[in-house]
Amino acid sequence: MHQIVTEGNAARVLLAAAKHADLFVVGNRGHGGFADALIGSVSVRCLHHATCPVVIIRRGTPARSRSSPGRPGRAHRPAPAT
């Protein structure tokens, strides 16, 4: 495993790094309380602009996958329950 540090808009940097990926996994930091029920703006932008399926990992909840809406062949498939 290697680490890359890049400067720039978080969503743009992540989307560029995932351009040729088969699966894009992004975390959600959350802010506690009501805001924790929502996903962040970076996660939303990645979800809607990625060229591959996206999984958003929320702290304290089971992982679920959702593909970008409006893209052929990218149906919503929830992750299997563990």
PDB file of N, CA and C in Angstrom:
ATOM      1  N   MET A   1       0.834  -1.164   0.000  1.00  0.00           N
ATOM      2  CA  MET A   1       0.000   0.000   0.000  1.00  0.00           C
ATOM      3  C   MET A   1       0.892   1.245   0.000  1.00  0.00           C
ATOM      4  N   HIS A   2       0.433   2.269  -0.688  1.00  0.00           N
ATOM      5  CA  HIS A   2       1.178   3.518  -0.704  1.00  0.00           C
ATOM      6  C   HIS A   2       0.230   4.684  -0.477  1.00  0.00           C
ATOM      7  N   GLN A   3       0.782   5.786  -0.070  1.00  0.00           N
ATOM      8  CA  GLN A   3       0.008   6.966   0.275  1.00  0.00           C
ATOM      9  C   GLN A   3       0.390   8.099  -0.660  1.00  0.00           C
ATOM     10  N   ILE A   4      -0.629   8.834  -1.127  1.00  0.00           N
ATOM     11  CA  ILE A   4      -0.392   9.974  -1.999  1.00  0.00           C
ATOM     12  C   ILE A   4      -1.056  11.194  -1.361  1.00  0.00           C
ATOM     13  N   VAL A   5      -0.324  12.272  -1.251  1.00  0.00           N
ATOM     14  CA  VAL A   5      -0.870  13.516  -0.725  1.00  0.00           C
ATOM     15  C   VAL A   5      -1.023  14.466  -1.900  1.00  0.00           C
ATOM     16  N   THR A   6      -2.244  14.967  -2.093  1.00  0.00           N
ATOM     17  CA  THR A   6      -2.523  15.840  -3.220  1.00  0.00           C
ATOM     18  C   THR A   6      -3.269  17.068  -2.737  1.00  0.00           C
ATOM     19  N   GLU A   7      -2.938  18.215  -3.288  1.00  0.00           N
ATOM     20  CA  GLU A   7      -3.614  19.457  -2.923  1.00  0.00           C
ATOM     21  C   GLU A   7      -4.697  19.748  -3.941  1.00  0.00           C
ATOM     22  N   GLY A   8      -5.828  20.270  -3.474  1.00  0.00           N
ATOM     23  CA  GLY A   8      -6.901  20.657  -4.379  1.00  0.00           C
ATOM     24  C   GLY A   8      -8.260  20.365  -3.793  1.00  0.00           C
ATOM     25  N   ASN A   9      -9.286  20.617  -4.579  1.00  0.00           N
ATOM     26  CA  ASN A   9     -10.660  20.344  -4.191  1.00  0.00           C
ATOM     27  C   ASN A   9     -10.812  18.844  -3.951  1.00  0.00           C
ATOM     28  N   ALA A  10     -11.312  18.469  -2.775  1.00  0.00           N
ATOM     29  CA  ALA A  10     -11.362  17.066  -2.376  1.00  0.00           C
ATOM     30  C   ALA A  10     -12.112  16.193  -3.381  1.00  0.00           C
ATOM     31  N   ALA A  11     -13.291  16.607  -3.792  1.00  0.00           N
ATOM     32  CA  ALA A  11     -14.075  15.794  -4.723  1.00  0.00           C
ATOM     33  C   ALA A  11     -13.354  15.651  -6.065  1.00  0.00           C
ATOM     34  N   ARG A  12     -12.804  16.733  -6.580  1.00  0.00           N
ATOM     35  CA  ARG A  12     -12.094  16.663  -7.870  1.00  0.00           C
ATOM     36  C   ARG A  12     -10.887  15.739  -7.794  1.00  0.00           C
ATOM     37  N   VAL A  13     -10.126  15.837  -6.717  1.00  0.00           N
ATOM     38  CA  VAL A  13      -8.932  14.999  -6.552  1.00  0.00           C
ATOM     39  C   VAL A  13      -9.323  13.528  -6.468  1.00  0.00           C
ATOM     40  N   LEU A  14     -10.355  13.230  -5.668  1.00  0.00           N
ATOM     41  CA  LEU A  14     -10.801  11.838  -5.532  1.00  0.00           C
ATOM     42  C   LEU A  14     -11.353  11.293  -6.842  1.00  0.00           C
ATOM     43  N   LEU A  15     -12.145  12.077  -7.547  1.00  0.00           N
ATOM     44  CA  LEU A  15     -12.705  11.633  -8.827  1.00  0.00           C
ATOM     45  C   LEU A  15     -11.603  11.383  -9.858  1.00  0.00           C
ATOM     46  N   ALA A  16     -10.597  12.236  -9.883  1.00  0.00           N
ATOM     47  CA  ALA A  16      -9.475  12.033 -10.808  1.00  0.00           C
ATOM     48  C   ALA A  16      -8.718  10.756 -10.467  1.00  0.00           C
ATOM     49  N   ALA A  17      -8.526  10.501  -9.180  1.00  0.00           N
ATOM     50  CA  ALA A  17      -7.804   9.298  -8.761  1.00  0.00           C
ATOM     51  C   ALA A  17      -8.596   8.028  -9.079  1.00  0.00           C
ATOM     52  N   ALA A  18      -9.915   8.124  -9.098  1.00  0.00           N
ATOM     53  CA  ALA A  18     -10.764   6.953  -9.337  1.00  0.00           C
ATOM     54  C   ALA A  18     -11.216   6.838 -10.791  1.00  0.00           C
ATOM     55  N   LYS A  19     -10.660   7.639 -11.654  1.00  0.00           N
ATOM     56  CA  LYS A  19     -11.103   7.698 -13.051  1.00  0.00           C
ATOM     57  C   LYS A  19     -11.157   6.333 -13.746  1.00  0.00           C
ATOM     58  N   HIS A  20     -10.191   5.476 -13.497  1.00  0.00           N
ATOM     59  CA  HIS A  20     -10.150   4.175 -14.165  1.00  0.00           C
ATOM     60  C   HIS A  20     -10.436   3.022 -13.198  1.00  0.00           C
ATOM     61  N   ALA A  21     -11.023   3.339 -12.069  1.00  0.00           N
ATOM     62  CA  ALA A  21     -11.288   2.319 -11.051  1.00  0.00           C
ATOM     63  C   ALA A  21     -12.510   1.467 -11.411  1.00  0.00           C
ATOM     64  N   ASP A  22     -12.553   0.258 -10.868  1.00  0.00           N
ATOM     65  CA  ASP A  22     -13.716  -0.608 -11.020  1.00  0.00           C
ATOM     66  C   ASP A  22     -14.738  -0.345  -9.919  1.00  0.00           C
ATOM     67  N   LEU A  23     -14.266   0.175  -8.782  1.00  0.00           N
ATOM     68  CA  LEU A  23     -15.123   0.486  -7.652  1.00  0.00           C
ATOM     69  C   LEU A  23     -14.508   1.652  -6.900  1.00  0.00           C
ATOM     70  N   PHE A  24     -15.338   2.591  -6.502  1.00  0.00           N
ATOM     71  CA  PHE A  24     -14.887   3.792  -5.806  1.00  0.00           C
ATOM     72  C   PHE A  24     -15.471   3.759  -4.394  1.00  0.00           C
ATOM     73  N   VAL A  25     -14.615   3.684  -3.389  1.00  0.00           N
ATOM     74  CA  VAL A  25     -15.046   3.642  -1.995  1.00  0.00           C
ATOM     75  C   VAL A  25     -14.598   4.928  -1.318  1.00  0.00           C
ATOM     76  N   VAL A  26     -15.554   5.619  -0.717  1.00  0.00           N
ATOM     77  CA  VAL A  26     -15.256   6.884  -0.051  1.00  0.00           C
ATOM     78  C   VAL A  26     -15.899   6.852   1.336  1.00  0.00           C
ATOM     79  N   GLY A  27     -15.206   7.434   2.311  1.00  0.00           N
ATOM     80  CA  GLY A  27     -15.732   7.493   3.665  1.00  0.00           C
ATOM     81  C   GLY A  27     -16.551   8.743   3.871  1.00  0.00           C
ATOM     82  N   ASN A  28     -17.348   8.726   4.919  1.00  0.00           N
ATOM     83  CA  ASN A  28     -18.155   9.876   5.294  1.00  0.00           C
ATOM     84  C   ASN A  28     -17.846  10.214   6.730  1.00  0.00           C
ATOM     85  N   ARG A  29     -17.312  11.362   6.972  1.00  0.00           N
ATOM     86  CA  ARG A  29     -16.870  11.778   8.294  1.00  0.00           C
ATOM     87  C   ARG A  29     -18.034  12.007   9.239  1.00  0.00           C
ATOM     88  N   GLY A  30     -19.091  12.636   8.793  1.00  0.00           N
ATOM     89  CA  GLY A  30     -20.238  12.942   9.647  1.00  0.00           C
ATOM     90  C   GLY A  30     -19.904  14.019  10.655  1.00  0.00           C
ATOM     91  N   HIS A  31     -20.914  14.672  11.142  1.00  0.00           N
ATOM     92  CA  HIS A  31     -20.704  15.763  12.090  1.00  0.00           C
ATOM     93  C   HIS A  31     -21.511  15.579  13.366  1.00  0.00           C
ATOM     94  N   GLY A  32     -22.125  14.417  13.554  1.00  0.00           N
ATOM     95  CA  GLY A  32     -22.916  14.162  14.754  1.00  0.00           C
ATOM     96  C   GLY A  32     -24.307  14.756  14.642  1.00  0.00           C
ATOM     97  N   GLY A  33     -25.229  14.245  15.453  1.00  0.00           N
ATOM     98  CA  GLY A  33     -26.594  14.762  15.476  1.00  0.00           C
ATOM     99  C   GLY A  33     -27.288  14.589  14.148  1.00  0.00           C
ATOM    100  N   PHE A  34     -28.122  15.561  13.796  1.00  0.00           N
ATOM    101  CA  PHE A  34     -28.888  15.484  12.555  1.00  0.00           C
ATOM    102  C   PHE A  34     -27.994  15.425  11.328  1.00  0.00           C
ATOM    103  N   ALA A  35     -26.912  16.178  11.332  1.00  0.00           N
ATOM    104  CA  ALA A  35     -26.016  16.209  10.171  1.00  0.00           C
ATOM    105  C   ALA A  35     -25.432  14.833   9.883  1.00  0.00           C
ATOM    106  N   ASP A  36     -25.315  13.983  10.895  1.00  0.00           N
ATOM    107  CA  ASP A  36     -24.759  12.649  10.699  1.00  0.00           C
ATOM    108  C   ASP A  36     -25.673  11.770   9.844  1.00  0.00           C
ATOM    109  N   ALA A  37     -26.959  12.111   9.793  1.00  0.00           N
ATOM    110  CA  ALA A  37     -27.901  11.341   8.982  1.00  0.00           C
ATOM    111  C   ALA A  37     -27.720  11.624   7.496  1.00  0.00           C
ATOM    112  N   LEU A  38     -27.012  12.676   7.167  1.00  0.00           N
ATOM    113  CA  LEU A  38     -26.796  13.074   5.781  1.00  0.00           C
ATOM    114  C   LEU A  38     -25.383  12.713   5.357  1.00  0.00           C
ATOM    115  N   ILE A  39     -25.191  12.527   4.056  1.00  0.00           N
ATOM    116  CA  ILE A  39     -23.828  12.327   3.584  1.00  0.00           C
ATOM    117  C   ILE A  39     -23.272  13.668   3.163  1.00  0.00           C
ATOM    118  N   GLY A  40     -21.977  13.808   3.232  1.00  0.00           N
ATOM    119  CA  GLY A  40     -21.347  15.089   2.953  1.00  0.00           C
ATOM    120  C   GLY A  40     -21.340  15.478   1.491  1.00  0.00           C
ATOM    121  N   SER A  41     -21.009  16.732   1.243  1.00  0.00           N
ATOM    122  CA  SER A  41     -21.012  17.256  -0.121  1.00  0.00           C
ATOM    123  C   SER A  41     -19.962  16.581  -0.995  1.00  0.00           C
ATOM    124  N   VAL A  42     -18.820  16.208  -0.413  1.00  0.00           N
ATOM    125  CA  VAL A  42     -17.789  15.509  -1.199  1.00  0.00           C
ATOM    126  C   VAL A  42     -18.313  14.136  -1.616  1.00  0.00           C
ATOM    127  N   SER A  43     -18.933  13.409  -0.691  1.00  0.00           N
ATOM    128  CA  SER A  43     -19.489  12.096  -1.001  1.00  0.00           C
ATOM    129  C   SER A  43     -20.568  12.193  -2.071  1.00  0.00           C
ATOM    130  N   VAL A  44     -21.438  13.192  -1.960  1.00  0.00           N
ATOM    131  CA  VAL A  44     -22.518  13.376  -2.941  1.00  0.00           C
ATOM    132  C   VAL A  44     -21.935  13.664  -4.323  1.00  0.00           C
ATOM    133  N   ARG A  45     -20.956  14.550  -4.377  1.00  0.00           N
ATOM    134  CA  ARG A  45     -20.356  14.879  -5.677  1.00  0.00           C
ATOM    135  C   ARG A  45     -19.675  13.653  -6.295  1.00  0.00           C
ATOM    136  N   CYS A  46     -18.973  12.891  -5.465  1.00  0.00           N
ATOM    137  CA  CYS A  46     -18.323  11.675  -5.960  1.00  0.00           C
ATOM    138  C   CYS A  46     -19.357  10.676  -6.459  1.00  0.00           C
ATOM    139  N   LEU A  47     -20.441  10.536  -5.715  1.00  0.00           N
ATOM    140  CA  LEU A  47     -21.501   9.612  -6.095  1.00  0.00           C
ATOM    141  C   LEU A  47     -22.082   9.956  -7.458  1.00  0.00           C
ATOM    142  N   HIS A  48     -22.321  11.236  -7.697  1.00  0.00           N
ATOM    143  CA  HIS A  48     -22.980  11.649  -8.931  1.00  0.00           C
ATOM    144  C   HIS A  48     -22.055  11.809 -10.131  1.00  0.00           C
ATOM    145  N   HIS A  49     -20.748  11.896  -9.905  1.00  0.00           N
ATOM    146  CA  HIS A  49     -19.838  12.146 -11.025  1.00  0.00           C
ATOM    147  C   HIS A  49     -18.844  11.016 -11.289  1.00  0.00           C
ATOM    148  N   ALA A  50     -18.857   9.985 -10.489  1.00  0.00           N
ATOM    149  CA  ALA A  50     -17.913   8.878 -10.692  1.00  0.00           C
ATOM    150  C   ALA A  50     -18.277   8.088 -11.951  1.00  0.00           C
ATOM    151  N   THR A  51     -17.277   7.495 -12.566  1.00  0.00           N
ATOM    152  CA  THR A  51     -17.480   6.693 -13.778  1.00  0.00           C
ATOM    153  C   THR A  51     -17.613   5.208 -13.464  1.00  0.00           C
ATOM    154  N   CYS A  52     -17.689   4.864 -12.190  1.00  0.00           N
ATOM    155  CA  CYS A  52     -17.818   3.471 -11.762  1.00  0.00           C
ATOM    156  C   CYS A  52     -18.755   3.421 -10.552  1.00  0.00           C
ATOM    157  N   PRO A  53     -19.152   2.231 -10.107  1.00  0.00           N
ATOM    158  CA  PRO A  53     -19.985   2.137  -8.903  1.00  0.00           C
ATOM    159  C   PRO A  53     -19.277   2.756  -7.697  1.00  0.00           C
ATOM    160  N   VAL A  54     -20.085   3.348  -6.799  1.00  0.00           N
ATOM    161  CA  VAL A  54     -19.567   4.050  -5.626  1.00  0.00           C
ATOM    162  C   VAL A  54     -20.128   3.412  -4.361  1.00  0.00           C
ATOM    163  N   VAL A  55     -19.266   3.238  -3.353  1.00  0.00           N
ATOM    164  CA  VAL A  55     -19.681   2.790  -2.026  1.00  0.00           C
ATOM    165  C   VAL A  55     -19.298   3.888  -1.052  1.00  0.00           C
ATOM    166  N   ILE A  56     -20.265   4.350  -0.267  1.00  0.00           N
ATOM    167  CA  ILE A  56     -20.002   5.364   0.755  1.00  0.00           C
ATOM    168  C   ILE A  56     -20.074   4.678   2.112  1.00  0.00           C
ATOM    169  N   ILE A  57     -18.980   4.711   2.848  1.00  0.00           N
ATOM    170  CA  ILE A  57     -18.916   4.099   4.169  1.00  0.00           C
ATOM    171  C   ILE A  57     -19.226   5.169   5.205  1.00  0.00           C
ATOM    172  N   ARG A  58     -20.321   4.968   5.911  1.00  0.00           N
ATOM    173  CA  ARG A  58     -20.694   5.901   6.980  1.00  0.00           C
ATOM    174  C   ARG A  58     -20.275   5.306   8.307  1.00  0.00           C
ATOM    175  N   ARG A  59     -19.755   6.114   9.170  1.00  0.00           N
ATOM    176  CA  ARG A  59     -19.321   5.676  10.483  1.00  0.00           C
ATOM    177  C   ARG A  59     -20.520   5.152  11.273  1.00  0.00           C
ATOM    178  N   GLY A  60     -20.379   3.929  11.837  1.00  0.00           N
ATOM    179  CA  GLY A  60     -21.398   3.376  12.711  1.00  0.00           C
ATOM    180  C   GLY A  60     -22.575   2.731  12.018  1.00  0.00           C
ATOM    181  N   THR A  61     -22.553   2.618  10.692  1.00  0.00           N
ATOM    182  CA  THR A  61     -23.646   1.964   9.976  1.00  0.00           C
ATOM    183  C   THR A  61     -23.073   0.938   9.022  1.00  0.00           C
ATOM    184  N   PRO A  62     -23.869  -0.092   8.668  1.00  0.00           N
ATOM    185  CA  PRO A  62     -23.397  -1.075   7.692  1.00  0.00           C
ATOM    186  C   PRO A  62     -23.161  -0.418   6.336  1.00  0.00           C
ATOM    187  N   ALA A  63     -22.222  -0.943   5.597  1.00  0.00           N
ATOM    188  CA  ALA A  63     -21.906  -0.398   4.269  1.00  0.00           C
ATOM    189  C   ALA A  63     -23.032  -0.711   3.300  1.00  0.00           C
ATOM    190  N   ARG A  64     -23.337   0.270   2.432  1.00  0.00           N
ATOM    191  CA  ARG A  64     -24.323   0.081   1.373  1.00  0.00           C
ATOM    192  C   ARG A  64     -23.736   0.662   0.107  1.00  0.00           C
ATOM    193  N   SER A  65     -24.102   0.103  -1.019  1.00  0.00           N
ATOM    194  CA  SER A  65     -23.588   0.632  -2.279  1.00  0.00           C
ATOM    195  C   SER A  65     -24.718   1.271  -3.064  1.00  0.00           C
ATOM    196  N   ARG A  66     -24.379   2.275  -3.819  1.00  0.00           N
ATOM    197  CA  ARG A  66     -25.348   2.924  -4.684  1.00  0.00           C
ATOM    198  C   ARG A  66     -24.597   3.458  -5.880  1.00  0.00           C
ATOM    199  N   SER A  67     -25.130   3.197  -7.044  1.00  0.00           N
ATOM    200  CA  SER A  67     -24.497   3.699  -8.251  1.00  0.00           C
ATOM    201  C   SER A  67     -25.098   5.031  -8.624  1.00  0.00           C
ATOM    202  N   SER A  68     -24.397   5.748  -9.452  1.00  0.00           N
ATOM    203  CA  SER A  68     -24.878   7.047  -9.886  1.00  0.00           C
ATOM    204  C   SER A  68     -26.175   6.896 -10.657  1.00  0.00           C
ATOM    205  N   PRO A  69     -27.188   7.717 -10.343  1.00  0.00           N
ATOM    206  CA  PRO A  69     -28.458   7.631 -11.059  1.00  0.00           C
ATOM    207  C   PRO A  69     -28.300   8.077 -12.509  1.00  0.00           C
ATOM    208  N   GLY A  70     -29.118   7.502 -13.359  1.00  0.00           N
ATOM    209  CA  GLY A  70     -29.125   7.914 -14.751  1.00  0.00           C
ATOM    210  C   GLY A  70     -28.030   7.309 -15.599  1.00  0.00           C
ATOM    211  N   ARG A  71     -27.275   6.390 -15.058  1.00  0.00           N
ATOM    212  CA  ARG A  71     -26.216   5.763 -15.851  1.00  0.00           C
ATOM    213  C   ARG A  71     -26.654   4.336 -16.198  1.00  0.00           C
ATOM    214  N   PRO A  72     -26.757   4.018 -17.487  1.00  0.00           N
ATOM    215  CA  PRO A  72     -27.191   2.677 -17.875  1.00  0.00           C
ATOM    216  C   PRO A  72     -26.285   1.597 -17.296  1.00  0.00           C
ATOM    217  N   GLY A  73     -26.891   0.494 -16.899  1.00  0.00           N
ATOM    218  CA  GLY A  73     -26.124  -0.647 -16.403  1.00  0.00           C
ATOM    219  C   GLY A  73     -25.593  -0.470 -14.998  1.00  0.00           C
ATOM    220  N   ARG A  74     -26.032   0.542 -14.286  1.00  0.00           N
ATOM    221  CA  ARG A  74     -25.543   0.786 -12.937  1.00  0.00           C
ATOM    222  C   ARG A  74     -26.721   0.782 -11.967  1.00  0.00           C
ATOM    223  N   ALA A  75     -27.324  -0.359 -11.784  1.00  0.00           N
ATOM    224  CA  ALA A  75     -28.492  -0.476 -10.910  1.00  0.00           C
ATOM    225  C   ALA A  75     -28.087  -0.385  -9.441  1.00  0.00           C
ATOM    226  N   HIS A  76     -29.021   0.061  -8.625  1.00  0.00           N
ATOM    227  CA  HIS A  76     -28.801   0.133  -7.169  1.00  0.00           C
ATOM    228  C   HIS A  76     -28.833  -1.283  -6.620  1.00  0.00           C
ATOM    229  N   ARG A  77     -27.747  -1.675  -5.953  1.00  0.00           N
ATOM    230  CA  ARG A  77     -27.666  -2.990  -5.335  1.00  0.00           C
ATOM    231  C   ARG A  77     -27.173  -2.836  -3.910  1.00  0.00           C
ATOM    232  N   PRO A  78     -28.067  -2.997  -2.897  1.00  0.00           N
ATOM    233  CA  PRO A  78     -27.596  -2.892  -1.526  1.00  0.00           C
ATOM    234  C   PRO A  78     -26.565  -3.961  -1.200  1.00  0.00           C
ATOM    235  N   ALA A  79     -25.632  -3.637  -0.326  1.00  0.00           N
ATOM    236  CA  ALA A  79     -24.618  -4.604   0.094  1.00  0.00           C
ATOM    237  C   ALA A  79     -25.279  -5.710   0.909  1.00  0.00           C
ATOM    238  N   PRO A  80     -24.777  -6.939   0.818  1.00  0.00           N
ATOM    239  CA  PRO A  80     -25.355  -8.021   1.607  1.00  0.00           C
ATOM    240  C   PRO A  80     -25.231  -7.743   3.088  1.00  0.00           C
ATOM    241  N   ALA A  81     -26.245  -8.127   3.838  1.00  0.00           N
ATOM    242  CA  ALA A  81     -26.211  -7.945   5.295  1.00  0.00           C
ATOM    243  C   ALA A  81     -25.192  -8.885   5.912  1.00  0.00           C
ATOM    244  N   THR A  82     -24.485  -8.403   6.926  1.00  0.00           N
ATOM    245  CA  THR A  82     -23.489  -9.251   7.596  1.00  0.00           C
ATOM    246  C   THR A  82     -23.915  -9.555   9.003  1.00  0.00           C
TER     247      THR A  82
END
